C-alpha atoms as a PDB file:
ATOM      1  CA  MET A   1      14.851 -21.518 -46.054  1.00  0.00           C
ATOM      2  CA  VAL A   2      11.394 -22.136 -44.618  1.00  0.00           C
ATOM      3  CA  THR A   3      12.124 -19.713 -41.784  1.00  0.00           C
ATOM      4  CA  ARG A   4      13.048 -16.980 -44.252  1.00  0.00           C
ATOM      5  CA  ILE A   5       9.842 -17.554 -46.198  1.00  0.00           C
ATOM      6  CA  VAL A   6       7.751 -17.400 -43.021  1.00  0.00           C
ATOM      7  CA  VAL A   7       9.503 -14.216 -41.868  1.00  0.00           C
ATOM      8  CA  GLY A   8       9.014 -12.701 -45.310  1.00  0.00           C
ATOM      9  CA  LEU A   9       5.316 -13.533 -45.278  1.00  0.00           C
ATOM     10  CA  VAL A  10       4.924 -12.062 -41.788  1.00  0.00           C
ATOM     11  CA  VAL A  11       6.646  -8.854 -42.888  1.00  0.00           C
ATOM     12  CA  ILE A  12       4.388  -8.645 -45.944  1.00  0.00           C
ATOM     13  CA  LEU A  13       1.287  -9.208 -43.823  1.00  0.00           C
ATOM     14  CA  ILE A  14       2.347  -6.595 -41.278  1.00  0.00           C
ATOM     15  CA  GLY A  15       3.136  -4.149 -44.056  1.00  0.00           C
ATOM     16  CA  GLY A  16      -0.213  -4.782 -45.702  1.00  0.00           C
ATOM     17  CA  ALA A  17      -2.056  -4.404 -42.415  1.00  0.00           C
ATOM     18  CA  TYR A  18      -0.258  -1.145 -41.645  1.00  0.00           C
ATOM     19  CA  LYS A  19      -1.114   0.205 -45.083  1.00  0.00           C
ATOM     20  CA  ALA A  20      -4.751  -0.818 -44.641  1.00  0.00           C
ATOM     21  CA  ILE A  21      -5.216   0.969 -41.312  1.00  0.00           C
ATOM     22  CA  LYS A  22      -3.108   4.056 -42.030  1.00  0.00           C
ATOM     23  CA  PRO A  23      -5.176   6.867 -43.581  1.00  0.00           C
ATOM     24  CA  PRO A  24      -3.672   8.739 -46.534  1.00  0.00           C
ATOM     25  CA  PRO A  25      -2.398  12.284 -45.968  1.00  0.00           C
ATOM     26  CA  PRO A  26      -5.024  14.981 -46.492  1.00  0.00           C
ATOM     27  CA  LYS A  27      -5.161  17.057 -49.665  1.00  0.00           C
ATOM     28  CA  ILE A  28      -5.070  20.510 -48.108  1.00  0.00           C
ATOM     29  CA  CYS A  29      -7.018  23.217 -49.912  1.00  0.00           C
ATOM     30  CA  GLY A  30      -4.682  25.742 -51.494  1.00  0.00           C
ATOM     31  CA  SER A  31      -1.623  23.476 -51.242  1.00  0.00           C
ATOM     32  CA  VAL A  32       0.326  22.120 -54.202  1.00  0.00           C
ATOM     33  CA  GLY A  33      -1.843  19.454 -55.773  1.00  0.00           C
ATOM     34  CA  GLY A  34      -4.701  20.190 -53.392  1.00  0.00           C
ATOM     35  CA  PRO A  35      -8.182  21.529 -54.150  1.00  0.00           C
ATOM     36  CA  ARG A  36      -8.576  25.191 -55.032  1.00  0.00           C
ATOM     37  CA  VAL A  37      -9.821  27.702 -52.470  1.00  0.00           C
ATOM     38  CA  ILE A  38     -12.910  29.374 -53.912  1.00  0.00           C
ATOM     39  CA  SER A  39     -14.667  30.618 -50.759  1.00  0.00           C
ATOM     40  CA  PRO A  40     -13.788  33.321 -48.243  1.00  0.00           C
ATOM     41  CA  ARG A  41     -11.831  32.011 -45.266  1.00  0.00           C
ATOM     42  CA  VAL A  42     -10.542  33.298 -41.940  1.00  0.00           C
ATOM     43  CA  LYS A  43      -7.167  32.366 -40.487  1.00  0.00           C
ATOM     44  CA  LEU A  44      -7.251  31.095 -36.913  1.00  0.00           C
ATOM     45  CA  SER A  45      -4.615  31.676 -34.252  1.00  0.00           C
ATOM     46  CA  ASP A  46      -3.139  28.195 -34.813  1.00  0.00           C
ATOM     47  CA  GLY A  47      -2.706  28.866 -38.539  1.00  0.00           C
ATOM     48  CA  ARG A  48      -5.685  26.840 -39.757  1.00  0.00           C
ATOM     49  CA  HIS A  49      -8.330  28.317 -42.024  1.00  0.00           C
ATOM     50  CA  LEU A  50     -12.118  28.089 -41.760  1.00  0.00           C
ATOM     51  CA  ALA A  51     -14.238  28.678 -44.862  1.00  0.00           C
ATOM     52  CA  TYR A  52     -17.569  30.431 -44.470  1.00  0.00           C
ATOM     53  CA  ARG A  53     -20.643  31.751 -46.268  1.00  0.00           C
ATOM     54  CA  GLU A  54     -23.027  34.525 -45.252  1.00  0.00           C
ATOM     55  CA  PHE A  55     -26.754  34.961 -45.854  1.00  0.00           C
ATOM     56  CA  GLY A  56     -29.454  37.397 -44.814  1.00  0.00           C
ATOM     57  CA  VAL A  57     -29.129  41.035 -43.899  1.00  0.00           C
ATOM     58  CA  PRO A  58     -25.632  42.557 -43.596  1.00  0.00           C
ATOM     59  CA  LYS A  59     -24.091  41.746 -40.223  1.00  0.00           C
ATOM     60  CA  GLU A  60     -23.714  45.466 -39.471  1.00  0.00           C
ATOM     61  CA  GLU A  61     -27.505  45.843 -39.684  1.00  0.00           C
ATOM     62  CA  ALA A  62     -28.560  42.505 -38.187  1.00  0.00           C
ATOM     63  CA  ARG A  63     -30.503  42.258 -34.942  1.00  0.00           C
ATOM     64  CA  HIS A  64     -29.939  38.516 -34.663  1.00  0.00           C
ATOM     65  CA  LYS A  65     -26.719  36.795 -35.757  1.00  0.00           C
ATOM     66  CA  ILE A  66     -26.909  33.027 -36.055  1.00  0.00           C
ATOM     67  CA  ILE A  67     -24.038  30.602 -36.671  1.00  0.00           C
ATOM     68  CA  VAL A  68     -25.264  27.442 -38.408  1.00  0.00           C
ATOM     69  CA  ILE A  69     -23.351  24.237 -37.611  1.00  0.00           C
ATOM     70  CA  HIS A  70     -23.675  21.539 -40.259  1.00  0.00           C
ATOM     71  CA  GLY A  71     -23.939  17.830 -39.630  1.00  0.00           C
ATOM     72  CA  PHE A  72     -22.216  14.681 -40.865  1.00  0.00           C
ATOM     73  CA  ARG A  73     -21.351  14.845 -44.568  1.00  0.00           C
ATOM     74  CA  GLY A  74     -22.515  18.480 -44.595  1.00  0.00           C
ATOM     75  CA  SER A  75     -20.829  21.791 -45.273  1.00  0.00           C
ATOM     76  CA  LYS A  76     -21.346  25.541 -45.374  1.00  0.00           C
ATOM     77  CA  ASP A  77     -23.254  24.986 -48.620  1.00  0.00           C
ATOM     78  CA  VAL A  78     -26.098  23.244 -46.791  1.00  0.00           C
ATOM     79  CA  THR A  79     -28.726  25.972 -46.944  1.00  0.00           C
ATOM     80  CA  LEU A  80     -31.607  26.363 -44.523  1.00  0.00           C
ATOM     81  CA  PRO A  81     -34.934  27.225 -46.195  1.00  0.00           C
ATOM     82  CA  VAL A  82     -35.011  30.737 -44.759  1.00  0.00           C
ATOM     83  CA  SER A  83     -36.466  33.349 -47.075  1.00  0.00           C
ATOM     84  CA  GLN A  84     -34.882  36.731 -47.591  1.00  0.00           C
ATOM     85  CA  GLU A  85     -38.229  38.183 -46.486  1.00  0.00           C
ATOM     86  CA  LEU A  86     -37.985  36.495 -43.071  1.00  0.00           C
ATOM     87  CA  SER A  87     -34.353  37.563 -42.746  1.00  0.00           C
ATOM     88  CA  GLU A  88     -35.330  41.170 -43.347  1.00  0.00           C
ATOM     89  CA  GLU A  89     -38.402  40.972 -41.104  1.00  0.00           C
ATOM     90  CA  LEU A  90     -36.419  39.665 -38.124  1.00  0.00           C
ATOM     91  CA  GLY A  91     -33.070  41.233 -39.008  1.00  0.00           C
ATOM     92  CA  ILE A  92     -31.340  37.863 -39.335  1.00  0.00           C
ATOM     93  CA  TYR A  93     -27.750  37.266 -40.425  1.00  0.00           C
ATOM     94  CA  LEU A  94     -26.820  33.614 -40.986  1.00  0.00           C
ATOM     95  CA  LEU A  95     -23.194  32.491 -40.902  1.00  0.00           C
ATOM     96  CA  TYR A  96     -22.498  29.051 -42.373  1.00  0.00           C
ATOM     97  CA  PHE A  97     -19.023  27.521 -42.122  1.00  0.00           C
ATOM     98  CA  ASP A  98     -17.150  24.325 -42.925  1.00  0.00           C
ATOM     99  CA  ARG A  99     -16.149  22.525 -39.748  1.00  0.00           C
ATOM    100  CA  ALA A 100     -12.512  21.399 -39.525  1.00  0.00           C
ATOM    101  CA  GLY A 101     -11.575  19.034 -42.356  1.00  0.00           C
ATOM    102  CA  TYR A 102     -14.815  19.556 -44.251  1.00  0.00           C
ATOM    103  CA  GLY A 103     -15.106  21.459 -47.521  1.00  0.00           C
ATOM    104  CA  GLU A 104     -12.472  24.178 -47.640  1.00  0.00           C
ATOM    105  CA  SER A 105     -11.616  24.334 -43.922  1.00  0.00           C
ATOM    106  CA  ASP A 106      -8.224  22.964 -42.929  1.00  0.00           C
ATOM    107  CA  PRO A 107      -8.101  19.625 -41.095  1.00  0.00           C
ATOM    108  CA  HIS A 108      -7.372  19.651 -37.369  1.00  0.00           C
ATOM    109  CA  SER A 109      -5.278  16.688 -36.234  1.00  0.00           C
ATOM    110  CA  SER A 110      -5.995  17.498 -32.572  1.00  0.00           C
ATOM    111  CA  ARG A 111      -9.696  18.002 -33.114  1.00  0.00           C
ATOM    112  CA  SER A 112     -11.809  17.465 -30.013  1.00  0.00           C
ATOM    113  CA  VAL A 113     -15.223  18.267 -28.623  1.00  0.00           C
ATOM    114  CA  LYS A 114     -13.702  21.320 -26.929  1.00  0.00           C
ATOM    115  CA  SER A 115     -11.905  22.559 -30.054  1.00  0.00           C
ATOM    116  CA  GLU A 116     -15.236  22.735 -31.897  1.00  0.00           C
ATOM    117  CA  ALA A 117     -16.444  25.443 -29.493  1.00  0.00           C
ATOM    118  CA  TYR A 118     -13.265  27.471 -29.739  1.00  0.00           C
ATOM    119  CA  ASP A 119     -13.292  27.279 -33.549  1.00  0.00           C
ATOM    120  CA  ILE A 120     -16.771  28.813 -33.463  1.00  0.00           C
ATOM    121  CA  GLN A 121     -15.720  31.478 -30.996  1.00  0.00           C
ATOM    122  CA  GLU A 122     -12.697  32.466 -33.056  1.00  0.00           C
ATOM    123  CA  LEU A 123     -14.708  32.482 -36.285  1.00  0.00           C
ATOM    124  CA  ALA A 124     -17.154  34.918 -34.688  1.00  0.00           C
ATOM    125  CA  ASP A 125     -14.307  37.132 -33.492  1.00  0.00           C
ATOM    126  CA  LYS A 126     -12.488  37.144 -36.826  1.00  0.00           C
ATOM    127  CA  LEU A 127     -15.661  38.193 -38.629  1.00  0.00           C
ATOM    128  CA  GLN A 128     -16.559  40.677 -35.882  1.00  0.00           C
ATOM    129  CA  ILE A 129     -20.165  39.582 -35.569  1.00  0.00           C
ATOM    130  CA  GLY A 130     -20.314  40.673 -31.938  1.00  0.00           C
ATOM    131  CA  HIS A 131     -19.569  39.299 -28.499  1.00  0.00           C
ATOM    132  CA  ARG A 132     -22.765  37.222 -28.364  1.00  0.00           C
ATOM    133  CA  PHE A 133     -24.590  35.252 -31.031  1.00  0.00           C
ATOM    134  CA  TYR A 134     -27.026  32.391 -31.574  1.00  0.00           C
ATOM    135  CA  ILE A 135     -26.116  28.887 -32.721  1.00  0.00           C
ATOM    136  CA  ILE A 136     -28.118  26.204 -34.519  1.00  0.00           C
ATOM    137  CA  GLY A 137     -26.637  22.720 -34.756  1.00  0.00           C
ATOM    138  CA  MET A 138     -28.216  19.995 -36.862  1.00  0.00           C
ATOM    139  CA  SER A 139     -27.661  16.256 -36.406  1.00  0.00           C
ATOM    140  CA  MET A 140     -23.897  15.692 -35.918  1.00  0.00           C
ATOM    141  CA  GLY A 141     -23.628  19.472 -35.603  1.00  0.00           C
ATOM    142  CA  GLY A 142     -25.304  19.032 -32.238  1.00  0.00           C
ATOM    143  CA  TYR A 143     -22.151  18.049 -30.378  1.00  0.00           C
ATOM    144  CA  PRO A 144     -20.431  21.388 -31.133  1.00  0.00           C
ATOM    145  CA  VAL A 145     -23.537  23.051 -29.632  1.00  0.00           C
ATOM    146  CA  TRP A 146     -23.097  21.063 -26.414  1.00  0.00           C
ATOM    147  CA  SER A 147     -19.447  22.098 -26.489  1.00  0.00           C
ATOM    148  CA  CYS A 148     -20.399  25.776 -26.791  1.00  0.00           C
ATOM    149  CA  LEU A 149     -22.888  25.469 -23.927  1.00  0.00           C
ATOM    150  CA  LYS A 150     -20.127  23.955 -21.786  1.00  0.00           C
ATOM    151  CA  TYR A 151     -17.089  26.034 -22.714  1.00  0.00           C
ATOM    152  CA  ILE A 152     -18.307  29.386 -24.099  1.00  0.00           C
ATOM    153  CA  PRO A 153     -21.829  29.950 -22.690  1.00  0.00           C
ATOM    154  CA  HIS A 154     -21.033  33.639 -22.111  1.00  0.00           C
ATOM    155  CA  ARG A 155     -20.800  34.101 -25.884  1.00  0.00           C
ATOM    156  CA  LEU A 156     -24.335  32.893 -26.575  1.00  0.00           C
ATOM    157  CA  TYR A 157     -27.729  34.540 -26.876  1.00  0.00           C
ATOM    158  CA  GLY A 158     -29.360  31.180 -27.464  1.00  0.00           C
ATOM    159  CA  ALA A 159     -28.939  27.717 -28.948  1.00  0.00           C
ATOM    160  CA  ALA A 160     -31.047  25.259 -30.916  1.00  0.00           C
ATOM    161  CA  LEU A 161     -30.155  21.575 -31.172  1.00  0.00           C
ATOM    162  CA  VAL A 162     -32.107  20.101 -34.079  1.00  0.00           C
ATOM    163  CA  ALA A 163     -32.331  16.302 -34.341  1.00  0.00           C
ATOM    164  CA  PRO A 164     -29.073  16.455 -32.386  1.00  0.00           C
ATOM    165  CA  PHE A 165     -26.332  13.847 -32.158  1.00  0.00           C
ATOM    166  CA  VAL A 166     -26.281  11.570 -29.130  1.00  0.00           C
ATOM    167  CA  SER A 167     -23.395   9.538 -27.748  1.00  0.00           C
ATOM    168  CA  TYR A 168     -24.092   6.122 -26.305  1.00  0.00           C
ATOM    169  CA  TRP A 169     -21.157   6.565 -23.928  1.00  0.00           C
ATOM    170  CA  TRP A 170     -21.965   9.948 -22.437  1.00  0.00           C
ATOM    171  CA  PRO A 171     -20.915  10.195 -18.806  1.00  0.00           C
ATOM    172  CA  SER A 172     -23.679  11.052 -16.320  1.00  0.00           C
ATOM    173  CA  LEU A 173     -26.456   9.334 -18.299  1.00  0.00           C
ATOM    174  CA  PRO A 174     -27.957   6.090 -16.925  1.00  0.00           C
ATOM    175  CA  ASP A 175     -26.627   2.905 -18.502  1.00  0.00           C
ATOM    176  CA  ASN A 176     -30.109   1.516 -19.111  1.00  0.00           C
ATOM    177  CA  ILE A 177     -31.139   4.600 -21.129  1.00  0.00           C
ATOM    178  CA  LEU A 178     -27.973   4.383 -23.226  1.00  0.00           C
ATOM    179  CA  ARG A 179     -28.275   0.614 -23.754  1.00  0.00           C
ATOM    180  CA  GLU A 180     -31.907   0.827 -24.836  1.00  0.00           C
ATOM    181  CA  ALA A 181     -31.121   3.600 -27.318  1.00  0.00           C
ATOM    182  CA  PHE A 182     -28.048   1.783 -28.650  1.00  0.00           C
ATOM    183  CA  ALA A 183     -30.157  -1.326 -29.255  1.00  0.00           C
ATOM    184  CA  MET A 184     -32.246   0.735 -31.704  1.00  0.00           C
ATOM    185  CA  VAL A 185     -29.165   1.360 -33.877  1.00  0.00           C
ATOM    186  CA  PRO A 186     -28.625  -1.074 -36.805  1.00  0.00           C
ATOM    187  CA  GLN A 187     -26.024  -3.765 -36.080  1.00  0.00           C
ATOM    188  CA  SER A 188     -23.609  -2.536 -38.754  1.00  0.00           C
ATOM    189  CA  ASP A 189     -23.685   0.978 -37.317  1.00  0.00           C
ATOM    190  CA  GLN A 190     -23.242  -0.395 -33.805  1.00  0.00           C
ATOM    191  CA  TRP A 191     -19.989  -2.024 -34.903  1.00  0.00           C
ATOM    192  CA  THR A 192     -18.796   1.207 -36.515  1.00  0.00           C
ATOM    193  CA  LEU A 193     -19.430   3.143 -33.319  1.00  0.00           C
ATOM    194  CA  ARG A 194     -17.719   0.468 -31.205  1.00  0.00           C
ATOM    195  CA  VAL A 195     -14.641   0.603 -33.434  1.00  0.00           C
ATOM    196  CA  ALA A 196     -14.566   4.408 -33.144  1.00  0.00           C
ATOM    197  CA  ARG A 197     -14.910   4.194 -29.388  1.00  0.00           C
ATOM    198  CA  TYR A 198     -12.614   1.300 -28.508  1.00  0.00           C
ATOM    199  CA  ALA A 199     -10.236   0.909 -31.474  1.00  0.00           C
ATOM    200  CA  PRO A 200      -9.921   4.351 -33.102  1.00  0.00           C
ATOM    201  CA  CYS A 201      -6.759   3.330 -34.956  1.00  0.00           C
ATOM    202  CA  LEU A 202      -8.897   0.924 -37.005  1.00  0.00           C
ATOM    203  CA  VAL A 203     -11.563   3.426 -38.055  1.00  0.00           C
ATOM    204  CA  TYR A 204     -10.051   4.194 -41.455  1.00  0.00           C
ATOM    205  CA  TRP A 205      -9.757   0.482 -42.280  1.00  0.00           C
ATOM    206  CA  TRP A 206     -13.252  -0.301 -41.006  1.00  0.00           C
ATOM    207  CA  LEU A 207     -14.935   2.463 -42.992  1.00  0.00           C
ATOM    208  CA  THR A 208     -13.088   1.622 -46.215  1.00  0.00           C
ATOM    209  CA  GLN A 209     -13.190  -2.207 -46.130  1.00  0.00           C
ATOM    210  CA  LYS A 210     -15.699  -3.944 -48.405  1.00  0.00           C
ATOM    211  CA  TRP A 211     -16.428  -7.146 -46.509  1.00  0.00           C
ATOM    212  CA  PHE A 212     -18.940  -5.809 -43.982  1.00  0.00           C
ATOM    213  CA  PRO A 213     -21.418  -2.904 -44.099  1.00  0.00           C
ATOM    214  CA  SER A 214     -20.266  -0.019 -41.907  1.00  0.00           C
ATOM    215  CA  LEU A 215     -22.740   2.886 -42.137  1.00  0.00           C
ATOM    216  CA  THR A 216     -26.375   2.696 -43.212  1.00  0.00           C
ATOM    217  CA  LEU A 217     -27.571   6.265 -42.626  1.00  0.00           C
ATOM    218  CA  ASN A 218     -29.497   6.756 -45.865  1.00  0.00           C
ATOM    219  CA  SER A 219     -31.434   3.536 -45.367  1.00  0.00           C
ATOM    220  CA  LEU A 220     -32.679   4.873 -42.020  1.00  0.00           C
ATOM    221  CA  LEU A 221     -34.519   7.873 -43.437  1.00  0.00           C
ATOM    222  CA  SER A 222     -38.257   7.988 -42.758  1.00  0.00           C
ATOM    223  CA  PRO A 223     -40.825   8.450 -45.562  1.00  0.00           C
ATOM    224  CA  GLU A 224     -41.075  12.131 -44.609  1.00  0.00           C
ATOM    225  CA  ASP A 225     -37.281  12.426 -44.788  1.00  0.00           C
ATOM    226  CA  MET A 226     -37.266  10.897 -48.265  1.00  0.00           C
ATOM    227  CA  GLU A 227     -39.745  13.519 -49.462  1.00  0.00           C
ATOM    228  CA  ILE A 228     -37.626  16.306 -47.987  1.00  0.00           C
ATOM    229  CA  MET A 229     -34.507  14.821 -49.609  1.00  0.00           C
ATOM    230  CA  LYS A 230     -36.066  15.353 -53.038  1.00  0.00           C
ATOM    231  CA  SER A 231     -36.121  19.111 -52.457  1.00  0.00           C
ATOM    232  CA  LEU A 232     -32.544  19.461 -51.200  1.00  0.00           C
ATOM    233  CA  SER A 233     -29.854  20.930 -53.398  1.00  0.00           C
ATOM    234  CA  ASN A 234     -26.618  19.062 -54.069  1.00  0.00           C
ATOM    235  CA  ALA A 235     -24.717  22.335 -54.413  1.00  0.00           C
ATOM    236  CA  GLY A 236     -21.178  21.982 -53.087  1.00  0.00           C
ATOM    237  CA  GLN A 237     -21.612  18.297 -52.252  1.00  0.00           C
ATOM    238  CA  GLU A 238     -18.562  17.364 -54.333  1.00  0.00           C
ATOM    239  CA  ARG A 239     -16.393  19.538 -52.066  1.00  0.00           C
ATOM    240  CA  VAL A 240     -17.513  18.097 -48.722  1.00  0.00           C
ATOM    241  CA  THR A 241     -14.806  15.396 -48.541  1.00  0.00           C
ATOM    242  CA  GLN A 242     -12.361  16.793 -51.099  1.00  0.00           C
ATOM    243  CA  GLN A 243      -9.526  16.900 -48.538  1.00  0.00           C
ATOM    244  CA  GLY A 244     -10.071  13.261 -47.660  1.00  0.00           C
ATOM    245  CA  GLU A 245     -12.815  11.277 -45.968  1.00  0.00           C
ATOM    246  CA  TYR A 246     -10.588  10.569 -42.994  1.00  0.00           C
ATOM    247  CA  GLU A 247     -10.112  14.236 -42.093  1.00  0.00           C
ATOM    248  CA  SER A 248     -13.802  15.010 -42.535  1.00  0.00           C
ATOM    249  CA  LEU A 249     -16.160  12.100 -41.967  1.00  0.00           C
ATOM    250  CA  HIS A 250     -13.940   9.698 -40.052  1.00  0.00           C
ATOM    251  CA  ARG A 251     -12.486  12.287 -37.700  1.00  0.00           C
ATOM    252  CA  ASP A 252     -15.997  13.610 -37.045  1.00  0.00           C
ATOM    253  CA  ILE A 253     -17.060  10.148 -35.886  1.00  0.00           C
ATOM    254  CA  LEU A 254     -13.887   9.721 -33.821  1.00  0.00           C
ATOM    255  CA  THR A 255     -14.384  13.065 -32.099  1.00  0.00           C
ATOM    256  CA  ALA A 256     -18.081  12.681 -31.428  1.00  0.00           C
ATOM    257  CA  PHE A 257     -17.957   9.113 -30.115  1.00  0.00           C
ATOM    258  CA  GLY A 258     -14.620   9.437 -28.348  1.00  0.00           C
ATOM    259  CA  LYS A 259     -14.061  10.401 -24.734  1.00  0.00           C
ATOM    260  CA  TRP A 260     -15.935  13.449 -23.473  1.00  0.00           C
ATOM    261  CA  GLU A 261     -14.871  15.585 -20.528  1.00  0.00           C
ATOM    262  CA  PHE A 262     -18.515  16.074 -19.555  1.00  0.00           C
ATOM    263  CA  GLY A 263     -22.021  14.803 -20.151  1.00  0.00           C
ATOM    264  CA  PRO A 264     -24.857  17.093 -21.266  1.00  0.00           C
ATOM    265  CA  THR A 265     -26.723  16.687 -17.971  1.00  0.00           C
ATOM    266  CA  GLU A 266     -23.708  18.175 -16.163  1.00  0.00           C
ATOM    267  CA  ILE A 267     -24.000  21.501 -17.999  1.00  0.00           C
ATOM    268  CA  ARG A 268     -25.236  24.433 -15.938  1.00  0.00           C
ATOM    269  CA  ASN A 269     -28.003  26.714 -17.104  1.00  0.00           C
ATOM    270  CA  PRO A 270     -26.216  29.244 -19.357  1.00  0.00           C
ATOM    271  CA  PHE A 271     -29.055  31.738 -18.920  1.00  0.00           C
ATOM    272  CA  PRO A 272     -29.964  31.870 -15.201  1.00  0.00           C
ATOM    273  CA  ASP A 273     -31.281  35.412 -15.705  1.00  0.00           C
ATOM    274  CA  LYS A 274     -33.550  34.193 -18.540  1.00  0.00           C
ATOM    275  CA  ASN A 275     -31.753  36.386 -21.067  1.00  0.00           C
ATOM    276  CA  GLY A 276     -31.520  33.541 -23.573  1.00  0.00           C
ATOM    277  CA  SER A 277     -32.905  30.084 -24.313  1.00  0.00           C
ATOM    278  CA  VAL A 278     -31.811  26.581 -25.299  1.00  0.00           C
ATOM    279  CA  HIS A 279     -34.034  24.330 -27.402  1.00  0.00           C
ATOM    280  CA  ILE A 280     -33.959  20.683 -28.441  1.00  0.00           C
ATOM    281  CA  TRP A 281     -36.066  19.790 -31.462  1.00  0.00           C
ATOM    282  CA  GLN A 282     -36.571  16.051 -31.903  1.00  0.00           C
ATOM    283  CA  GLY A 283     -38.610  14.016 -34.384  1.00  0.00           C
ATOM    284  CA  PHE A 284     -40.439  11.077 -32.836  1.00  0.00           C
ATOM    285  CA  GLU A 285     -40.069   9.164 -36.112  1.00  0.00           C
ATOM    286  CA  ASP A 286     -36.322   9.857 -36.337  1.00  0.00           C
ATOM    287  CA  ARG A 287     -34.614   6.551 -37.138  1.00  0.00           C
ATOM    288  CA  ILE A 288     -31.086   7.978 -36.954  1.00  0.00           C
ATOM    289  CA  ILE A 289     -31.232   9.720 -33.564  1.00  0.00           C
ATOM    290  CA  PRO A 290     -33.295   7.816 -30.953  1.00  0.00           C
ATOM    291  CA  TYR A 291     -35.622  10.268 -29.219  1.00  0.00           C
ATOM    292  CA  THR A 292     -35.237   8.585 -25.818  1.00  0.00           C
ATOM    293  CA  ILE A 293     -31.862  10.128 -24.967  1.00  0.00           C
ATOM    294  CA  ASN A 294     -32.760  13.692 -25.941  1.00  0.00           C
ATOM    295  CA  ARG A 295     -36.067  13.380 -24.121  1.00  0.00           C
ATOM    296  CA  TYR A 296     -34.228  12.199 -20.996  1.00  0.00           C
ATOM    297  CA  ILE A 297     -31.709  15.068 -21.162  1.00  0.00           C
ATOM    298  CA  SER A 298     -34.497  17.634 -21.418  1.00  0.00           C
ATOM    299  CA  GLN A 299     -36.226  16.116 -18.390  1.00  0.00           C
ATOM    300  CA  LYS A 300     -33.018  16.376 -16.348  1.00  0.00           C
ATOM    301  CA  LEU A 301     -32.323  19.950 -17.512  1.00  0.00           C
ATOM    302  CA  PRO A 302     -35.553  21.930 -17.037  1.00  0.00           C
ATOM    303  CA  TRP A 303     -33.991  25.036 -18.599  1.00  0.00           C
ATOM    304  CA  ILE A 304     -33.998  23.269 -21.968  1.00  0.00           C
ATOM    305  CA  ARG A 305     -37.163  23.741 -24.014  1.00  0.00           C
ATOM    306  CA  TYR A 306     -37.950  20.389 -25.570  1.00  0.00           C
ATOM    307  CA  HIS A 307     -40.012  20.170 -28.748  1.00  0.00           C
ATOM    308  CA  GLU A 308     -40.911  16.633 -29.809  1.00  0.00           C
ATOM    309  CA  LEU A 309     -42.536  16.489 -33.241  1.00  0.00           C
ATOM    310  CA  PRO A 310     -44.797  13.403 -33.418  1.00  0.00           C
ATOM    311  CA  HIS A 311     -44.654  12.795 -37.169  1.00  0.00           C
ATOM    312  CA  ALA A 312     -41.201  14.183 -38.000  1.00  0.00           C
ATOM    313  CA  GLY A 313     -38.117  12.200 -38.942  1.00  0.00           C
ATOM    314  CA  HIS A 314     -34.539  13.456 -39.072  1.00  0.00           C
ATOM    315  CA  LEU A 315     -34.556  16.163 -41.760  1.00  0.00           C
ATOM    316  CA  PHE A 316     -37.434  18.388 -40.635  1.00  0.00           C
ATOM    317  CA  LEU A 317     -35.108  21.404 -40.340  1.00  0.00           C
ATOM    318  CA  PHE A 318     -35.180  21.550 -44.138  1.00  0.00           C
ATOM    319  CA  GLU A 319     -38.957  21.919 -44.259  1.00  0.00           C
ATOM    320  CA  LYS A 320     -39.558  25.659 -44.721  1.00  0.00           C
ATOM    321  CA  ASN A 321     -42.355  26.228 -42.214  1.00  0.00           C
ATOM    322  CA  GLN A 322     -40.665  24.127 -39.548  1.00  0.00           C
ATOM    323  CA  CYS A 323     -37.304  25.814 -40.078  1.00  0.00           C
ATOM    324  CA  GLU A 324     -38.781  29.294 -39.784  1.00  0.00           C
ATOM    325  CA  SER A 325     -40.674  28.224 -36.655  1.00  0.00           C
ATOM    326  CA  ILE A 326     -37.408  27.040 -35.077  1.00  0.00           C
ATOM    327  CA  ILE A 327     -35.715  30.342 -35.866  1.00  0.00           C
ATOM    328  CA  ARG A 328     -38.611  32.401 -34.502  1.00  0.00           C
ATOM    329  CA  GLU A 329     -38.617  30.376 -31.282  1.00  0.00           C
ATOM    330  CA  LEU A 330     -34.900  30.967 -30.923  1.00  0.00           C
ATOM    331  CA  VAL A 331     -34.652  34.707 -31.521  1.00  0.00           C
ATOM    332  CA  LEU A 332     -37.971  36.385 -30.719  1.00  0.00           C
ATOM    333  CA  PRO A 333     -38.063  37.955 -27.220  1.00  0.00           C
ATOM    334  CA  GLN A 334     -41.633  36.872 -26.490  1.00  0.00           C
ATOM    335  CA  HIS A 335     -40.496  33.255 -26.689  1.00  0.00           C
ATOM    336  CA  ASN A 336     -37.540  33.706 -24.312  1.00  0.00           C
END
């Protein structure tokens, strides 16, 4: 009798544990019971869809076509403070899109660092924006930029990494640099990143459990960031994770902090003929992305133009003058 009770309790515990760590199925946009599709989308070769939004001059008239890659908890509805006047002056076409699993773009169960680059390439081809284009990646949107520089450099005119993501397990970077930067991360976030790195099957449980804090991003914003936050629109924010937090936020963390096939310092200069440029923009007061790693990468790769802003935090891309300065640096010939 006792044995049966013990076995029953073990089965219940195992069942409860399995339920706790197993993420729910995604609510696919356009499927029965799923969120409605309200934005234009392209269909990729593997059958997935990517949702997008366009801004600026018509792509047929544009001199500079820029794909904007959103960060963690972002979407195509995150709007850069670029005026229509600047777009017309420089002939700029901006293409925003939802990365896989975010907003109205289908989840990608085999999502990887490499797949991010090929999603961008196929999006550009489906919309016929031309063989080459610029990319701007903000925060977590930085790792798809590194992917593009590695896997599709021939498709780029230039790239800007703005307050870009860093991995504390990148190959080819010195352990002491990575350790020092990791020590600057809050303890609760350190545990989240360790779980993503070493026990990915537990990520859903870890990020949904209530016993321990898991992510503290908002509490890390600098005073300047908090002022910028007041001016940001919440448009579309309710759609960011509508297909499920696992397929958007959690899988983003898993992909970014998982195993990479390369480290940034192993990337070759994509513009040896100086027909393009790569920029890193980093705030010295950024409490989310430690400046030490991005500064080190730029020192090891002299073809990267490093801009360290002494009083900026993490969100300076959304300050109008700074944003327009970043775009001018990226696209104007006299800067290249």
